[in-house]
Structure formats: structure tokens, C-alpha cells
Amino acid sequence: MSEARTPVTHQESKIEDEPILGPVLFLPDGSIQPLTWMERLLVALRLTNAKALEARYFRSAAA
């Protein structure tokens, strides 16, 4: 019997330009990523947003 690999499906992000209201980021896979002090500062200064942070954590989890 041969083992068939099922394709991995990725859930599309639903974060658009939503504000980050606390010190954590909820990722589409259901995990919670605590934000560092620097990331919270960048968000407060509007130098980054939730979508950019999510993309960075998604890349680091895939590697």
C-alpha cells in the first residue's frame, strides 16, 4: 500500500490593517505570539502593523 501525501493547506490571513490592542498577536493557525518590547514600540509609532508582524512570524515558523 503506498502512502499518499496530502497537500498542506495554509489558512489565509484575515488580518488587514487591524490595530494590535495588546502585547500578543493571534496567528491564523491559532497560536499566540507574545510581542517583544521593540515590536510593541514599532506598533505604537505606526512603523509596523499586524499584517507585517504576522508575515514575519509565519516565515520564521516555516523555516
PDB file of N, CA and C in Angstrom:
ATOM      1  N   MET A   1       0.843  -1.171   0.000  1.00  0.00           N
ATOM      2  CA  MET A   1       0.000   0.000   0.000  1.00  0.00           C
ATOM      3  C   MET A   1       0.894   1.241   0.000  1.00  0.00           C
ATOM      4  N   SER A   2       0.686   2.128  -0.919  1.00  0.00           N
ATOM      5  CA  SER A   2       1.515   3.333  -0.995  1.00  0.00           C
ATOM      6  C   SER A   2       0.914   4.436  -0.135  1.00  0.00           C
ATOM      7  N   GLU A   3       1.808   5.193   0.446  1.00  0.00           N
ATOM      8  CA  GLU A   3       1.355   6.307   1.270  1.00  0.00           C
ATOM      9  C   GLU A   3       1.255   7.556   0.410  1.00  0.00           C
ATOM     10  N   ALA A   4       0.077   8.116   0.363  1.00  0.00           N
ATOM     11  CA  ALA A   4      -0.131   9.349  -0.399  1.00  0.00           C
ATOM     12  C   ALA A   4       0.010  10.524   0.552  1.00  0.00           C
ATOM     13  N   ARG A   5       0.776  11.489   0.129  1.00  0.00           N
ATOM     14  CA  ARG A   5       0.932  12.677   0.961  1.00  0.00           C
ATOM     15  C   ARG A   5      -0.194  13.650   0.651  1.00  0.00           C
ATOM     16  N   THR A   6      -0.822  14.143   1.679  1.00  0.00           N
ATOM     17  CA  THR A   6      -1.873  15.137   1.474  1.00  0.00           C
ATOM     18  C   THR A   6      -1.217  16.509   1.396  1.00  0.00           C
ATOM     19  N   PRO A   7      -1.681  17.339   0.489  1.00  0.00           N
ATOM     20  CA  PRO A   7      -1.079  18.664   0.359  1.00  0.00           C
ATOM     21  C   PRO A   7      -1.361  19.501   1.611  1.00  0.00           C
ATOM     22  N   VAL A   8      -0.371  20.276   1.997  1.00  0.00           N
ATOM     23  CA  VAL A   8      -0.519  21.141   3.159  1.00  0.00           C
ATOM     24  C   VAL A   8      -1.275  22.385   2.725  1.00  0.00           C
ATOM     25  N   THR A   9      -2.350  22.680   3.413  1.00  0.00           N
ATOM     26  CA  THR A   9      -3.113  23.882   3.101  1.00  0.00           C
ATOM     27  C   THR A   9      -2.816  24.931   4.154  1.00  0.00           C
ATOM     28  N   HIS A  10      -2.680  26.141   3.715  1.00  0.00           N
ATOM     29  CA  HIS A  10      -2.388  27.251   4.614  1.00  0.00           C
ATOM     30  C   HIS A  10      -3.616  28.130   4.706  1.00  0.00           C
ATOM     31  N   GLN A  11      -3.962  28.482   5.934  1.00  0.00           N
ATOM     32  CA  GLN A  11      -5.102  29.356   6.134  1.00  0.00           C
ATOM     33  C   GLN A  11      -4.707  30.781   5.781  1.00  0.00           C
ATOM     34  N   GLU A  12      -5.528  31.422   4.979  1.00  0.00           N
ATOM     35  CA  GLU A  12      -5.230  32.786   4.567  1.00  0.00           C
ATOM     36  C   GLU A  12      -5.425  33.730   5.741  1.00  0.00           C
ATOM     37  N   SER A  13      -4.539  34.687   5.846  1.00  0.00           N
ATOM     38  CA  SER A  13      -4.606  35.652   6.933  1.00  0.00           C
ATOM     39  C   SER A  13      -5.862  36.499   6.813  1.00  0.00           C
ATOM     40  N   LYS A  14      -6.477  36.780   7.941  1.00  0.00           N
ATOM     41  CA  LYS A  14      -7.636  37.659   7.963  1.00  0.00           C
ATOM     42  C   LYS A  14      -7.291  39.003   8.572  1.00  0.00           C
ATOM     43  N   ILE A  15      -6.010  39.182   8.896  1.00  0.00           N
ATOM     44  CA  ILE A  15      -5.570  40.459   9.446  1.00  0.00           C
ATOM     45  C   ILE A  15      -5.330  41.404   8.281  1.00  0.00           C
ATOM     46  N   GLU A  16      -5.980  42.500   8.297  1.00  0.00           N
ATOM     47  CA  GLU A  16      -5.738  43.510   7.270  1.00  0.00           C
ATOM     48  C   GLU A  16      -4.960  44.651   7.913  1.00  0.00           C
ATOM     49  N   ASP A  17      -5.643  45.669   8.298  1.00  0.00           N
ATOM     50  CA  ASP A  17      -4.994  46.788   8.985  1.00  0.00           C
ATOM     51  C   ASP A  17      -5.586  46.943  10.376  1.00  0.00           C
ATOM     52  N   GLU A  18      -5.879  45.832  11.022  1.00  0.00           N
ATOM     53  CA  GLU A  18      -6.454  45.872  12.348  1.00  0.00           C
ATOM     54  C   GLU A  18      -5.408  46.329  13.347  1.00  0.00           C
ATOM     55  N   PRO A  19      -5.822  47.138  14.320  1.00  0.00           N
ATOM     56  CA  PRO A  19      -4.855  47.561  15.327  1.00  0.00           C
ATOM     57  C   PRO A  19      -4.516  46.416  16.276  1.00  0.00           C
ATOM     58  N   ILE A  20      -3.339  46.461  16.820  1.00  0.00           N
ATOM     59  CA  ILE A  20      -2.947  45.499  17.838  1.00  0.00           C
ATOM     60  C   ILE A  20      -3.314  46.121  19.174  1.00  0.00           C
ATOM     61  N   LEU A  21      -4.168  45.441  19.929  1.00  0.00           N
ATOM     62  CA  LEU A  21      -4.699  46.025  21.149  1.00  0.00           C
ATOM     63  C   LEU A  21      -4.017  45.522  22.414  1.00  0.00           C
ATOM     64  N   GLY A  22      -3.026  44.694  22.271  1.00  0.00           N
ATOM     65  CA  GLY A  22      -2.351  44.182  23.455  1.00  0.00           C
ATOM     66  C   GLY A  22      -0.959  43.700  23.141  1.00  0.00           C
ATOM     67  N   PRO A  23      -0.320  43.043  24.098  1.00  0.00           N
ATOM     68  CA  PRO A  23       1.061  42.611  23.918  1.00  0.00           C
ATOM     69  C   PRO A  23       1.212  41.275  23.198  1.00  0.00           C
ATOM     70  N   VAL A  24       0.148  40.759  22.578  1.00  0.00           N
ATOM     71  CA  VAL A  24       0.230  39.487  21.871  1.00  0.00           C
ATOM     72  C   VAL A  24      -0.393  39.608  20.488  1.00  0.00           C
ATOM     73  N   LEU A  25      -0.002  38.685  19.607  1.00  0.00           N
ATOM     74  CA  LEU A  25      -0.533  38.618  18.253  1.00  0.00           C
ATOM     75  C   LEU A  25      -1.121  37.234  18.064  1.00  0.00           C
ATOM     76  N   PHE A  26      -2.395  37.152  17.678  1.00  0.00           N
ATOM     77  CA  PHE A  26      -3.047  35.880  17.423  1.00  0.00           C
ATOM     78  C   PHE A  26      -2.834  35.518  15.961  1.00  0.00           C
ATOM     79  N   LEU A  27      -2.182  34.391  15.718  1.00  0.00           N
ATOM     80  CA  LEU A  27      -1.857  33.958  14.365  1.00  0.00           C
ATOM     81  C   LEU A  27      -2.983  33.086  13.806  1.00  0.00           C
ATOM     82  N   PRO A  28      -3.094  32.976  12.467  1.00  0.00           N
ATOM     83  CA  PRO A  28      -4.191  32.229  11.853  1.00  0.00           C
ATOM     84  C   PRO A  28      -4.228  30.747  12.233  1.00  0.00           C
ATOM     85  N   ASP A  29      -3.093  30.167  12.592  1.00  0.00           N
ATOM     86  CA  ASP A  29      -3.089  28.751  12.967  1.00  0.00           C
ATOM     87  C   ASP A  29      -3.575  28.531  14.396  1.00  0.00           C
ATOM     88  N   GLY A  30      -3.962  29.599  15.081  1.00  0.00           N
ATOM     89  CA  GLY A  30      -4.495  29.504  16.431  1.00  0.00           C
ATOM     90  C   GLY A  30      -3.470  29.742  17.517  1.00  0.00           C
ATOM     91  N   SER A  31      -2.213  29.905  17.145  1.00  0.00           N
ATOM     92  CA  SER A  31      -1.189  30.135  18.158  1.00  0.00           C
ATOM     93  C   SER A  31      -1.156  31.613  18.558  1.00  0.00           C
ATOM     94  N   ILE A  32      -0.588  31.848  19.721  1.00  0.00           N
ATOM     95  CA  ILE A  32      -0.465  33.201  20.246  1.00  0.00           C
ATOM     96  C   ILE A  32       1.015  33.534  20.323  1.00  0.00           C
ATOM     97  N   GLN A  33       1.386  34.655  19.716  1.00  0.00           N
ATOM     98  CA  GLN A  33       2.781  35.091  19.704  1.00  0.00           C
ATOM     99  C   GLN A  33       2.922  36.332  20.573  1.00  0.00           C
ATOM    100  N   PRO A  34       3.626  36.227  21.697  1.00  0.00           N
ATOM    101  CA  PRO A  34       3.867  37.433  22.502  1.00  0.00           C
ATOM    102  C   PRO A  34       4.788  38.395  21.738  1.00  0.00           C
ATOM    103  N   LEU A  35       4.483  39.671  21.807  1.00  0.00           N
ATOM    104  CA  LEU A  35       5.288  40.669  21.117  1.00  0.00           C
ATOM    105  C   LEU A  35       6.381  41.176  22.046  1.00  0.00           C
ATOM    106  N   THR A  36       7.525  41.430  21.481  1.00  0.00           N
ATOM    107  CA  THR A  36       8.624  41.981  22.260  1.00  0.00           C
ATOM    108  C   THR A  36       8.356  43.454  22.534  1.00  0.00           C
ATOM    109  N   TRP A  37       9.150  44.009  23.433  1.00  0.00           N
ATOM    110  CA  TRP A  37       9.023  45.429  23.752  1.00  0.00           C
ATOM    111  C   TRP A  37       9.251  46.272  22.505  1.00  0.00           C
ATOM    112  N   MET A  38      10.237  45.899  21.704  1.00  0.00           N
ATOM    113  CA  MET A  38      10.554  46.658  20.492  1.00  0.00           C
ATOM    114  C   MET A  38       9.413  46.577  19.479  1.00  0.00           C
ATOM    115  N   GLU A  39       8.817  45.413  19.334  1.00  0.00           N
ATOM    116  CA  GLU A  39       7.687  45.276  18.403  1.00  0.00           C
ATOM    117  C   GLU A  39       6.505  46.124  18.857  1.00  0.00           C
ATOM    118  N   ARG A  40       6.239  46.141  20.153  1.00  0.00           N
ATOM    119  CA  ARG A  40       5.145  46.982  20.661  1.00  0.00           C
ATOM    120  C   ARG A  40       5.444  48.459  20.435  1.00  0.00           C
ATOM    121  N   LEU A  41       6.719  48.854  20.572  1.00  0.00           N
ATOM    122  CA  LEU A  41       7.100  50.234  20.309  1.00  0.00           C
ATOM    123  C   LEU A  41       6.895  50.579  18.831  1.00  0.00           C
ATOM    124  N   LEU A  42       7.312  49.674  17.932  1.00  0.00           N
ATOM    125  CA  LEU A  42       7.128  49.903  16.493  1.00  0.00           C
ATOM    126  C   LEU A  42       5.652  50.030  16.133  1.00  0.00           C
ATOM    127  N   VAL A  43       4.802  49.234  16.776  1.00  0.00           N
ATOM    128  CA  VAL A  43       3.358  49.321  16.534  1.00  0.00           C
ATOM    129  C   VAL A  43       2.827  50.661  17.034  1.00  0.00           C
ATOM    130  N   ALA A  44       3.247  51.067  18.229  1.00  0.00           N
ATOM    131  CA  ALA A  44       2.780  52.334  18.791  1.00  0.00           C
ATOM    132  C   ALA A  44       3.199  53.519  17.929  1.00  0.00           C
ATOM    133  N   LEU A  45       4.384  53.441  17.335  1.00  0.00           N
ATOM    134  CA  LEU A  45       4.860  54.513  16.458  1.00  0.00           C
ATOM    135  C   LEU A  45       4.351  54.372  15.027  1.00  0.00           C
ATOM    136  N   ARG A  46       3.557  53.345  14.800  1.00  0.00           N
ATOM    137  CA  ARG A  46       2.980  53.047  13.478  1.00  0.00           C
ATOM    138  C   ARG A  46       4.046  52.803  12.415  1.00  0.00           C
ATOM    139  N   LEU A  47       5.145  52.167  12.846  1.00  0.00           N
ATOM    140  CA  LEU A  47       6.203  51.805  11.905  1.00  0.00           C
ATOM    141  C   LEU A  47       6.039  50.372  11.407  1.00  0.00           C
ATOM    142  N   THR A  48       5.120  49.628  12.001  1.00  0.00           N
ATOM    143  CA  THR A  48       4.766  48.284  11.549  1.00  0.00           C
ATOM    144  C   THR A  48       3.295  48.061  11.889  1.00  0.00           C
ATOM    145  N   ASN A  49       2.751  46.969  11.373  1.00  0.00           N
ATOM    146  CA  ASN A  49       1.351  46.652  11.666  1.00  0.00           C
ATOM    147  C   ASN A  49       1.204  45.149  11.879  1.00  0.00           C
ATOM    148  N   ALA A  50      -0.006  44.721  12.177  1.00  0.00           N
ATOM    149  CA  ALA A  50      -0.258  43.313  12.491  1.00  0.00           C
ATOM    150  C   ALA A  50       0.058  42.412  11.306  1.00  0.00           C
ATOM    151  N   LYS A  51      -0.251  42.856  10.110  1.00  0.00           N
ATOM    152  CA  LYS A  51      -0.013  42.030   8.930  1.00  0.00           C
ATOM    153  C   LYS A  51       1.481  41.780   8.710  1.00  0.00           C
ATOM    154  N   ALA A  52       2.301  42.795   8.907  1.00  0.00           N
ATOM    155  CA  ALA A  52       3.747  42.647   8.741  1.00  0.00           C
ATOM    156  C   ALA A  52       4.328  41.737   9.821  1.00  0.00           C
ATOM    157  N   LEU A  53       3.862  41.887  11.050  1.00  0.00           N
ATOM    158  CA  LEU A  53       4.346  41.028  12.130  1.00  0.00           C
ATOM    159  C   LEU A  53       3.938  39.578  11.895  1.00  0.00           C
ATOM    160  N   GLU A  54       2.702  39.383  11.440  1.00  0.00           N
ATOM    161  CA  GLU A  54       2.229  38.025  11.164  1.00  0.00           C
ATOM    162  C   GLU A  54       3.071  37.383  10.068  1.00  0.00           C
ATOM    163  N   ALA A  55       3.392  38.131   9.039  1.00  0.00           N
ATOM    164  CA  ALA A  55       4.210  37.588   7.941  1.00  0.00           C
ATOM    165  C   ALA A  55       5.589  37.201   8.453  1.00  0.00           C
ATOM    166  N   ARG A  56       6.157  37.995   9.334  1.00  0.00           N
ATOM    167  CA  ARG A  56       7.488  37.680   9.869  1.00  0.00           C
ATOM    168  C   ARG A  56       7.442  36.401  10.706  1.00  0.00           C
ATOM    169  N   TYR A  57       6.433  36.248  11.556  1.00  0.00           N
ATOM    170  CA  TYR A  57       6.353  35.044  12.381  1.00  0.00           C
ATOM    171  C   TYR A  57       5.977  33.821  11.559  1.00  0.00           C
ATOM    172  N   PHE A  58       5.214  33.988  10.483  1.00  0.00           N
ATOM    173  CA  PHE A  58       4.864  32.867   9.621  1.00  0.00           C
ATOM    174  C   PHE A  58       6.103  32.367   8.907  1.00  0.00           C
ATOM    175  N   ARG A  59       6.951  33.282   8.430  1.00  0.00           N
ATOM    176  CA  ARG A  59       8.193  32.884   7.756  1.00  0.00           C
ATOM    177  C   ARG A  59       9.127  32.157   8.706  1.00  0.00           C
ATOM    178  N   SER A  60       9.243  32.647   9.926  1.00  0.00           N
ATOM    179  CA  SER A  60      10.168  32.027  10.873  1.00  0.00           C
ATOM    180  C   SER A  60       9.654  30.650  11.320  1.00  0.00           C
ATOM    181  N   ALA A  61       8.351  30.449  11.352  1.00  0.00           N
ATOM    182  CA  ALA A  61       7.792  29.135  11.726  1.00  0.00           C
ATOM    183  C   ALA A  61       7.941  28.140  10.587  1.00  0.00           C
ATOM    184  N   ALA A  62       7.918  28.622   9.347  1.00  0.00           N
ATOM    185  CA  ALA A  62       8.024  27.734   8.193  1.00  0.00           C
ATOM    186  C   ALA A  62       9.459  27.277   7.958  1.00  0.00           C
ATOM    187  N   ALA A  63      10.412  28.017   8.459  1.00  0.00           N
ATOM    188  CA  ALA A  63      11.827  27.691   8.217  1.00  0.00           C
ATOM    189  C   ALA A  63      12.339  26.590   9.095  1.00  0.00           C
TER     190      ALA A  63
END
